[in-house]
């Protein structure tokens, strides 16, 4: 049973926000919901960083890459952290290492990538999702380089392209494009709320960006990956979305904040 809370009409795109009745327990600071665009379901988690903690994971304590979101959740549990939600982070290369900036617990494990190349990562403008002094933000790679540079950040993942920048949809996206696949991304609202979203079916970049801007009210959002995208929400009792059988080389994970 779903209760429709509202709808946003953008041209021919209708986005309806529905509340799930599938919570296994209440999680302060995390809200789980569903968006629908056409026949595609989008799972959404909004996170209040004053109540939950966000982490970036890549390897276990022995230096072995985590093979699945379930392994990421198990690692957090060994650290006595209650996992709320996990999702794959930014794009990685053939060497199974992050293609761009990767910062965990304030430590830079991979540097900012300002290079050029093919594929989604290098589609301009690409960008960085990061947390600095407890506040989340999304900036283009060049803006991050000039505005943040070597300043310490708590967490950062670089990917591309930006879905939404300063309220505008990436000009490289084409409405009605037939390039459709599973996609996931991260956005930040004006009040600092972090929004994670994943499609449970194929969607094009323009529609996915429109959902972040008009359905999820994020003036800035970053595409994380597609096809392999996966989502695990143990706190809400939701099933793993899409594949969870590969090394993601970066996972965004939220846990309940320790008291």
Protein backbone atom coordinates (compact mmCIF):
# COMPACT_ATOMS: atom_id res chain seq x y z
CA UNK A 1 0.00 0.00 0.00
CA UNK A 2 1.37 3.41 -0.97
CA UNK A 3 0.07 6.83 -0.11
CA UNK A 4 0.72 9.42 -2.83
CA UNK A 5 1.97 12.58 -1.14
CA UNK A 6 2.32 14.83 -4.15
CA UNK A 7 3.28 15.21 -7.81
CA UNK A 8 5.46 17.49 -9.89
CA UNK A 9 4.66 18.08 -13.56
CA UNK A 10 7.65 19.05 -15.70
CA UNK A 11 6.80 19.08 -19.40
CA UNK A 12 5.72 15.51 -20.09
CA UNK A 13 7.55 14.17 -17.02
CA UNK A 14 5.36 13.32 -14.06
CA UNK A 15 7.12 12.54 -10.79
CA UNK A 16 4.97 11.19 -7.97
CA UNK A 17 6.30 10.84 -4.43
CA UNK A 18 5.00 7.85 -2.52
CA UNK A 19 5.70 6.87 1.07
CA UNK A 20 6.73 3.31 1.85
CA UNK A 21 5.05 1.32 4.59
CA UNK A 22 7.96 -1.13 4.75
CA UNK A 23 10.08 0.27 7.59
CA UNK A 24 11.34 -2.43 9.92
CA UNK A 25 12.10 0.25 12.51
CA UNK A 26 12.23 4.00 12.78
CA UNK A 27 15.60 5.53 11.99
CA UNK A 28 16.04 9.10 13.21
CA UNK A 29 17.55 11.27 10.52
CA UNK A 30 16.76 8.92 7.61
CA UNK A 31 13.62 8.90 5.49
CA UNK A 32 12.90 6.18 2.90
CA UNK A 33 10.47 6.85 0.06
CA UNK A 34 9.69 5.97 -3.55
CA UNK A 35 9.45 8.17 -6.63
CA UNK A 36 7.81 7.02 -9.83
CA UNK A 37 8.61 8.33 -13.29
CA UNK A 38 6.57 6.57 -15.92
CA UNK A 39 6.99 2.89 -15.15
CA UNK A 40 10.33 3.32 -13.39
CA UNK A 41 10.60 3.17 -9.62
CA UNK A 42 13.22 5.30 -7.86
CA UNK A 43 14.19 4.42 -4.29
CA UNK A 44 15.18 7.49 -2.28
CA UNK A 45 16.83 8.01 1.10
CA UNK A 46 17.14 11.46 2.65
CA UNK A 47 19.77 11.85 5.37
CA UNK A 48 20.11 14.47 8.08
CA UNK A 49 23.83 14.60 8.87
CA UNK A 50 23.17 16.05 12.30
CA UNK A 51 21.58 12.71 13.20
CA UNK A 52 23.29 10.11 11.00
CA UNK A 53 26.92 9.69 9.99
CA UNK A 54 28.02 9.19 6.39
CA UNK A 55 31.06 7.07 5.54
CA UNK A 56 32.95 6.11 2.40
CA UNK A 57 34.17 2.50 2.27
CA UNK A 58 36.54 0.73 -0.12
CA UNK A 59 38.66 -1.93 1.62
CA UNK A 60 38.52 -4.02 4.75
CA UNK A 61 41.18 -3.66 7.51
CA UNK A 62 43.42 -6.16 5.65
CA UNK A 63 43.35 -4.00 2.52
CA UNK A 64 41.04 -6.29 0.54
CA UNK A 65 38.36 -4.50 -1.54
CA UNK A 66 34.86 -5.07 -0.22
CA UNK A 67 33.04 -7.33 -2.68
CA UNK A 68 29.45 -6.36 -1.95
CA UNK A 69 27.24 -3.96 -0.06
CA UNK A 70 26.48 -6.76 2.38
CA UNK A 71 30.21 -7.01 3.15
CA UNK A 72 30.22 -3.25 3.73
CA UNK A 73 27.33 -3.58 6.16
CA UNK A 74 29.09 -6.45 7.95
CA UNK A 75 32.27 -4.36 8.28
CA UNK A 76 30.31 -1.53 9.89
CA UNK A 77 28.70 -3.96 12.31
CA UNK A 78 32.14 -5.20 13.42
CA UNK A 79 32.87 -1.56 14.25
CA UNK A 80 29.66 -1.47 16.31
CA UNK A 81 28.04 0.92 13.90
CA UNK A 82 24.40 0.32 12.99
CA UNK A 83 24.13 0.48 9.16
CA UNK A 84 21.17 2.44 7.83
CA UNK A 85 21.79 2.40 4.07
CA UNK A 86 24.65 1.60 1.66
CA UNK A 87 25.01 2.53 -2.00
CA UNK A 88 27.86 2.29 -4.51
CA UNK A 89 29.88 5.49 -4.83
CA UNK A 90 31.83 7.01 -7.74
CA UNK A 91 33.11 5.42 -10.96
CA UNK A 92 36.24 3.29 -10.86
CA UNK A 93 38.85 2.19 -13.42
CA UNK A 94 39.99 -1.15 -14.83
CA UNK A 95 42.55 -1.39 -12.03
CA UNK A 96 39.68 -1.60 -9.55
CA UNK A 97 40.64 1.72 -7.99
CA UNK A 98 38.56 4.92 -7.82
CA UNK A 99 38.97 6.90 -11.04
CA UNK A 100 38.96 10.16 -9.12
CA UNK A 101 39.16 11.70 -5.67
CA UNK A 102 38.46 9.29 -2.82
CA UNK A 103 38.70 10.51 0.78
CA UNK A 104 37.87 8.35 3.79
CA UNK A 105 37.94 9.69 7.35
CA UNK A 106 39.94 12.70 6.21
CA UNK A 107 42.58 10.59 4.43
CA UNK A 108 43.10 11.06 0.67
CA UNK A 109 43.38 7.58 -0.85
CA UNK A 110 43.10 8.75 -4.47
CA UNK A 111 43.79 12.29 -5.76
CA UNK A 112 41.48 14.63 -7.64
CA UNK A 113 41.33 13.73 -11.34
CA UNK A 114 41.24 16.81 -13.60
CA UNK A 115 42.09 14.89 -16.76
CA UNK A 116 40.06 14.30 -19.89
CA UNK A 117 38.87 11.09 -21.47
CA UNK A 118 35.87 9.11 -22.62
CA UNK A 119 32.90 7.75 -20.73
CA UNK A 120 30.54 9.27 -18.18
CA UNK A 121 33.24 10.14 -15.66
CA UNK A 122 34.86 12.66 -18.01
CA UNK A 123 31.62 14.11 -19.43
CA UNK A 124 31.72 17.80 -18.53
CA UNK A 125 31.14 18.87 -16.02
CA UNK A 126 32.11 16.09 -13.68
CA UNK A 127 32.23 16.73 -9.96
CA UNK A 128 32.78 15.83 -6.33
CA UNK A 129 30.41 15.01 -3.51
CA UNK A 130 32.11 15.81 -0.22
CA UNK A 131 31.66 16.60 3.45
CA UNK A 132 33.67 19.37 5.07
CA UNK A 133 33.19 20.52 8.66
CA UNK A 134 30.10 18.35 8.92
CA UNK A 135 28.31 19.84 5.92
CA UNK A 136 27.75 18.12 2.57
CA UNK A 137 28.11 19.71 -0.85
CA UNK A 138 28.42 18.93 -4.55
CA UNK A 139 30.79 20.98 -6.72
CA UNK A 140 32.20 20.63 -10.20
CA UNK A 141 35.74 19.27 -10.27
CA UNK A 142 37.17 22.65 -11.23
CA UNK A 143 35.16 24.48 -8.57
CA UNK A 144 36.30 21.97 -5.98
CA UNK A 145 39.92 22.42 -7.07
CA UNK A 146 39.74 26.21 -6.80
CA UNK A 147 37.45 26.59 -3.78
CA UNK A 148 38.51 23.63 -1.63
CA UNK A 149 41.86 22.56 -3.04
CA UNK A 150 44.01 21.06 -0.32
CA UNK A 151 41.69 22.05 2.52
CA UNK A 152 40.85 18.99 4.63
CA UNK A 153 37.58 17.23 3.93
CA UNK A 154 36.08 14.39 5.91
CA UNK A 155 34.77 12.41 2.94
CA UNK A 156 34.82 12.81 -0.85
CA UNK A 157 33.94 10.80 -3.93
CA UNK A 158 34.49 12.06 -7.48
CA UNK A 159 32.36 10.96 -10.41
CA UNK A 160 30.66 12.31 -13.46
CA UNK A 161 28.80 13.89 -14.88
CA UNK A 162 27.06 16.39 -12.66
CA UNK A 163 23.31 15.86 -12.95
CA UNK A 164 22.33 19.28 -11.62
CA UNK A 165 24.52 22.33 -11.01
CA UNK A 166 23.22 25.49 -9.34
CA UNK A 167 19.67 24.46 -10.21
CA UNK A 168 20.40 23.79 -13.88
CA UNK A 169 20.30 20.39 -15.58
CA UNK A 170 23.53 19.39 -17.33
CA UNK A 171 23.37 20.80 -20.87
CA UNK A 172 24.85 17.60 -22.32
CA UNK A 173 21.66 15.69 -21.49
CA UNK A 174 18.96 15.29 -24.13
CA UNK A 175 15.28 15.06 -23.22
CA UNK A 176 13.77 11.86 -24.58
CA UNK A 177 17.16 10.17 -25.01
CA UNK A 178 16.95 6.42 -25.59
CA UNK A 179 20.16 5.87 -23.61
CA UNK A 180 18.48 4.30 -20.62
CA UNK A 181 19.93 2.13 -17.86
CA UNK A 182 19.80 1.70 -14.09
CA UNK A 183 21.37 4.75 -12.44
CA UNK A 184 22.18 6.07 -9.00
CA UNK A 185 23.26 9.46 -7.70
CA UNK A 186 23.62 11.79 -4.75
CA UNK A 187 22.23 15.28 -4.28
CA UNK A 188 22.34 17.97 -1.62
CA UNK A 189 19.47 20.29 -0.72
CA UNK A 190 19.92 23.92 0.27
CA UNK A 191 19.57 23.00 3.94
CA UNK A 192 22.38 20.43 3.69
CA UNK A 193 20.16 17.34 3.57
CA UNK A 194 21.82 14.54 1.58
CA UNK A 195 19.65 12.64 -0.89
CA UNK A 196 20.60 9.22 -2.29
CA UNK A 197 18.56 7.82 -5.17
CA UNK A 198 18.65 4.72 -7.36
CA UNK A 199 16.38 3.64 -10.19
CA UNK A 200 15.03 0.10 -10.17
CA UNK A 201 14.77 0.18 -13.93
CA UNK A 202 16.19 1.98 -16.99
CA UNK A 203 16.09 5.76 -17.08
CA UNK A 204 17.93 8.36 -19.15
CA UNK A 205 20.21 11.03 -17.71
CA UNK A 206 17.85 13.93 -18.41
CA UNK A 207 14.92 12.35 -16.60
CA UNK A 208 17.15 11.25 -13.70
CA UNK A 209 18.51 14.80 -13.36
CA UNK A 210 14.99 16.24 -13.53
CA UNK A 211 13.92 14.00 -10.67
CA UNK A 212 16.80 15.25 -8.52
CA UNK A 213 16.06 18.89 -9.29
CA UNK A 214 12.26 19.00 -9.34
CA UNK A 215 11.19 15.91 -7.42
CA UNK A 216 13.89 15.82 -4.76
CA UNK A 217 14.59 19.58 -4.61
CA UNK A 218 18.36 19.27 -5.01
CA UNK A 219 19.99 22.27 -6.73
CA UNK A 220 23.19 20.23 -6.99
CA UNK A 221 23.46 16.51 -7.72
CA UNK A 222 26.11 14.10 -8.97
CA UNK A 223 25.74 10.95 -11.05
CA UNK A 224 27.51 8.05 -9.36
CA UNK A 225 27.21 5.07 -11.71
CA UNK A 226 24.87 2.94 -13.81
CA UNK A 227 24.08 -0.67 -14.71
CA UNK A 228 25.96 -2.04 -11.66
CA UNK A 229 24.20 0.37 -9.29
CA UNK A 230 23.09 -1.20 -6.03
CA UNK A 231 21.35 -0.15 -2.84
CA UNK A 232 21.03 -1.88 0.52
CA UNK A 233 18.85 -0.47 3.30
CA UNK A 234 19.02 -2.83 6.29
CA UNK A 235 17.47 -0.26 8.61
CA UNK A 236 14.31 -0.12 6.51
CA UNK A 237 14.11 -3.82 5.72
CA UNK A 238 14.24 -3.11 1.99
CA UNK A 239 15.68 -5.70 -0.39
CA UNK A 240 18.94 -5.04 -2.18
CA UNK A 241 18.15 -3.15 -5.35
CA UNK A 242 19.65 -4.46 -8.57
CA UNK A 243 23.03 -6.16 -8.67
CA UNK A 244 25.16 -6.60 -5.58
CA UNK A 245 27.71 -9.03 -6.94
CA UNK A 246 30.75 -6.95 -7.83
CA UNK A 247 33.44 -4.78 -6.31
CA UNK A 248 32.11 -1.24 -6.31
CA UNK A 249 35.43 0.32 -5.27
CA UNK A 250 33.67 2.79 -3.06
CA UNK A 251 30.45 2.65 -1.07
CA UNK A 252 28.56 5.47 0.58
CA UNK A 253 27.24 4.19 3.89
CA UNK A 254 25.09 5.88 6.52
CA UNK A 255 25.05 4.73 10.12
CA UNK A 256 23.22 5.82 13.20
CA UNK A 257 25.25 8.51 14.93
CA UNK A 258 26.86 7.32 18.13
CA UNK A 259 25.61 9.01 21.25
